C-alpha atoms as a PDB file:
ATOM      1  CA  MET A   1     105.979 100.839 113.533  1.00  0.00           C
ATOM      2  CA  ASN A   2     109.508  99.645 113.704  1.00  0.00           C
ATOM      3  CA  PRO A   3     109.893  96.727 116.127  1.00  0.00           C
ATOM      4  CA  SER A   4     113.611  97.245 116.431  1.00  0.00           C
ATOM      5  CA  ASP A   5     113.097 100.865 117.764  1.00  0.00           C
ATOM      6  CA  PRO A   6     113.292 100.598 121.610  1.00  0.00           C
ATOM      7  CA  ALA A   7     110.819 103.486 121.957  1.00  0.00           C
ATOM      8  CA  GLU A   8     108.146 101.636 119.885  1.00  0.00           C
ATOM      9  CA  LYS A   9     108.510  98.444 121.843  1.00  0.00           C
ATOM     10  CA  SER A  10     106.902 100.071 124.851  1.00  0.00           C
ATOM     11  CA  VAL A  11     103.739 101.088 122.896  1.00  0.00           C
ATOM     12  CA  HIS A  12     100.752  99.038 123.976  1.00  0.00           C
ATOM     13  CA  LEU A  13      98.219  98.444 121.241  1.00  0.00           C
ATOM     14  CA  PRO A  14      94.991  96.673 122.066  1.00  0.00           C
ATOM     15  CA  ASN A  15      94.593  93.108 120.945  1.00  0.00           C
ATOM     16  CA  ILE A  16      90.787  93.411 120.195  1.00  0.00           C
ATOM     17  CA  VAL A  17      89.216  96.430 118.503  1.00  0.00           C
ATOM     18  CA  ILE A  18      85.775  97.188 117.031  1.00  0.00           C
ATOM     19  CA  VAL A  19      85.930  98.048 113.361  1.00  0.00           C
ATOM     20  CA  PRO A  20      83.209  98.985 110.910  1.00  0.00           C
ATOM     21  CA  ASP A  21      84.145  96.266 108.370  1.00  0.00           C
ATOM     22  CA  THR A  22      87.048  93.979 107.236  1.00  0.00           C
ATOM     23  CA  PHE A  23      90.078  95.589 105.910  1.00  0.00           C
ATOM     24  CA  ASP A  24      93.257  94.635 104.004  1.00  0.00           C
ATOM     25  CA  ALA A  25      95.739  93.089 106.363  1.00  0.00           C
ATOM     26  CA  THR A  26      98.165  91.600 103.851  1.00  0.00           C
ATOM     27  CA  ASP A  27     101.683  92.459 102.561  1.00  0.00           C
ATOM     28  CA  GLY A  28     102.722  94.631 105.513  1.00  0.00           C
ATOM     29  CA  ALA A  29      99.363  96.617 105.566  1.00  0.00           C
ATOM     30  CA  GLU A  30      98.999  99.049 108.503  1.00  0.00           C
ATOM     31  CA  THR A  31      96.210  97.848 110.852  1.00  0.00           C
ATOM     32  CA  PRO A  32      94.951  98.792 114.354  1.00  0.00           C
ATOM     33  CA  PHE A  33      97.612  96.330 115.535  1.00  0.00           C
ATOM     34  CA  GLY A  34     100.502  97.676 113.515  1.00  0.00           C
ATOM     35  CA  LYS A  35     101.680  96.125 110.298  1.00  0.00           C
ATOM     36  CA  ARG A  36     100.425  92.729 109.349  1.00  0.00           C
ATOM     37  CA  SER A  37     101.103  90.119 106.680  1.00  0.00           C
ATOM     38  CA  GLY A  38      97.714  88.310 106.528  1.00  0.00           C
ATOM     39  CA  GLY A  39      94.371  87.834 108.125  1.00  0.00           C
ATOM     40  CA  ASP A  40      91.111  85.808 108.050  1.00  0.00           C
ATOM     41  CA  VAL A  41      87.477  86.381 108.487  1.00  0.00           C
ATOM     42  CA  PHE A  42      85.336  84.331 110.949  1.00  0.00           C
ATOM     43  CA  ARG A  43      81.558  84.397 110.920  1.00  0.00           C
ATOM     44  CA  LEU A  44      79.759  83.542 114.180  1.00  0.00           C
ATOM     45  CA  THR A  45      76.463  81.638 113.881  1.00  0.00           C
ATOM     46  CA  ILE A  46      73.664  81.846 116.491  1.00  0.00           C
ATOM     47  CA  GLU A  47      75.059  78.555 117.810  1.00  0.00           C
ATOM     48  CA  HIS A  48      78.490  80.008 118.354  1.00  0.00           C
ATOM     49  CA  ILE A  49      77.072  82.938 120.176  1.00  0.00           C
ATOM     50  CA  ALA A  50      74.956  80.716 122.287  1.00  0.00           C
ATOM     51  CA  ALA A  51      78.086  78.620 123.161  1.00  0.00           C
ATOM     52  CA  LEU A  52      79.871  81.744 124.282  1.00  0.00           C
ATOM     53  CA  GLN A  53      76.932  83.024 126.233  1.00  0.00           C
ATOM     54  CA  ALA A  54      76.846  79.541 127.962  1.00  0.00           C
ATOM     55  CA  GLY A  55      80.451  80.040 129.100  1.00  0.00           C
ATOM     56  CA  GLN A  56      82.038  77.823 126.413  1.00  0.00           C
ATOM     57  CA  THR A  57      85.131  78.761 124.362  1.00  0.00           C
ATOM     58  CA  LEU A  58      85.471  78.754 120.659  1.00  0.00           C
ATOM     59  CA  ALA A  59      88.656  77.551 118.972  1.00  0.00           C
ATOM     60  CA  LEU A  60      89.410  79.223 115.597  1.00  0.00           C
ATOM     61  CA  ASP A  61      91.753  77.828 113.081  1.00  0.00           C
ATOM     62  CA  VAL A  62      93.853  80.800 111.570  1.00  0.00           C
ATOM     63  CA  MET A  63      95.265  80.168 108.149  1.00  0.00           C
ATOM     64  CA  ASN A  64      95.910  76.478 108.984  1.00  0.00           C
ATOM     65  CA  GLU A  65      98.761  77.598 111.181  1.00  0.00           C
ATOM     66  CA  TYR A  66      97.558  79.235 114.372  1.00  0.00           C
ATOM     67  CA  VAL A  67      94.667  78.623 116.832  1.00  0.00           C
ATOM     68  CA  VAL A  68      92.834  81.605 118.404  1.00  0.00           C
ATOM     69  CA  PHE A  69      90.437  80.999 121.450  1.00  0.00           C
ATOM     70  CA  LEU A  70      87.469  83.170 121.729  1.00  0.00           C
ATOM     71  CA  LYS A  71      85.791  83.716 125.087  1.00  0.00           C
ATOM     72  CA  THR A  72      83.438  86.117 126.548  1.00  0.00           C
ATOM     73  CA  ASN A  73      84.678  88.575 129.245  1.00  0.00           C
ATOM     74  CA  SER A  74      82.161  88.585 132.065  1.00  0.00           C
ATOM     75  CA  SER A  75      83.853  91.684 133.582  1.00  0.00           C
ATOM     76  CA  GLY A  76      83.516  93.685 130.360  1.00  0.00           C
ATOM     77  CA  GLU A  77      87.189  94.565 130.427  1.00  0.00           C
ATOM     78  CA  ASN A  78      88.518  95.552 127.029  1.00  0.00           C
ATOM     79  CA  SER A  79      85.038  95.313 125.541  1.00  0.00           C
ATOM     80  CA  LYS A  80      85.031  98.877 124.269  1.00  0.00           C
ATOM     81  CA  ASP A  81      88.555  99.172 122.902  1.00  0.00           C
ATOM     82  CA  LYS A  82      88.619 101.329 119.830  1.00  0.00           C
ATOM     83  CA  VAL A  83      91.370 102.718 117.720  1.00  0.00           C
ATOM     84  CA  PRO A  84      90.943 106.090 116.120  1.00  0.00           C
ATOM     85  CA  GLY A  85      90.064 105.635 112.529  1.00  0.00           C
ATOM     86  CA  TYR A  86      88.858 102.129 112.862  1.00  0.00           C
ATOM     87  CA  GLY A  87      85.233 102.048 113.690  1.00  0.00           C
ATOM     88  CA  GLU A  88      85.117 105.201 115.670  1.00  0.00           C
END
């Protein structure tokens, strides 16, 4: 993807996908979200899953720089997003 290309700016990629396993997301690697320079792995415990099921939100520290909030989606919207070649 080339972010400076106006035609590519209109492409909507999902922000959550189901993949079979972790993958390299460093040094400009191509991912289901486009090229990325880094990534992290989070492992949920039973307590984390129970908190989500109880309607709570998890805050995840990403590479000591970003925070991601993880919530459940009661409507199920986007719960089945898949990208061909990644977990399909």
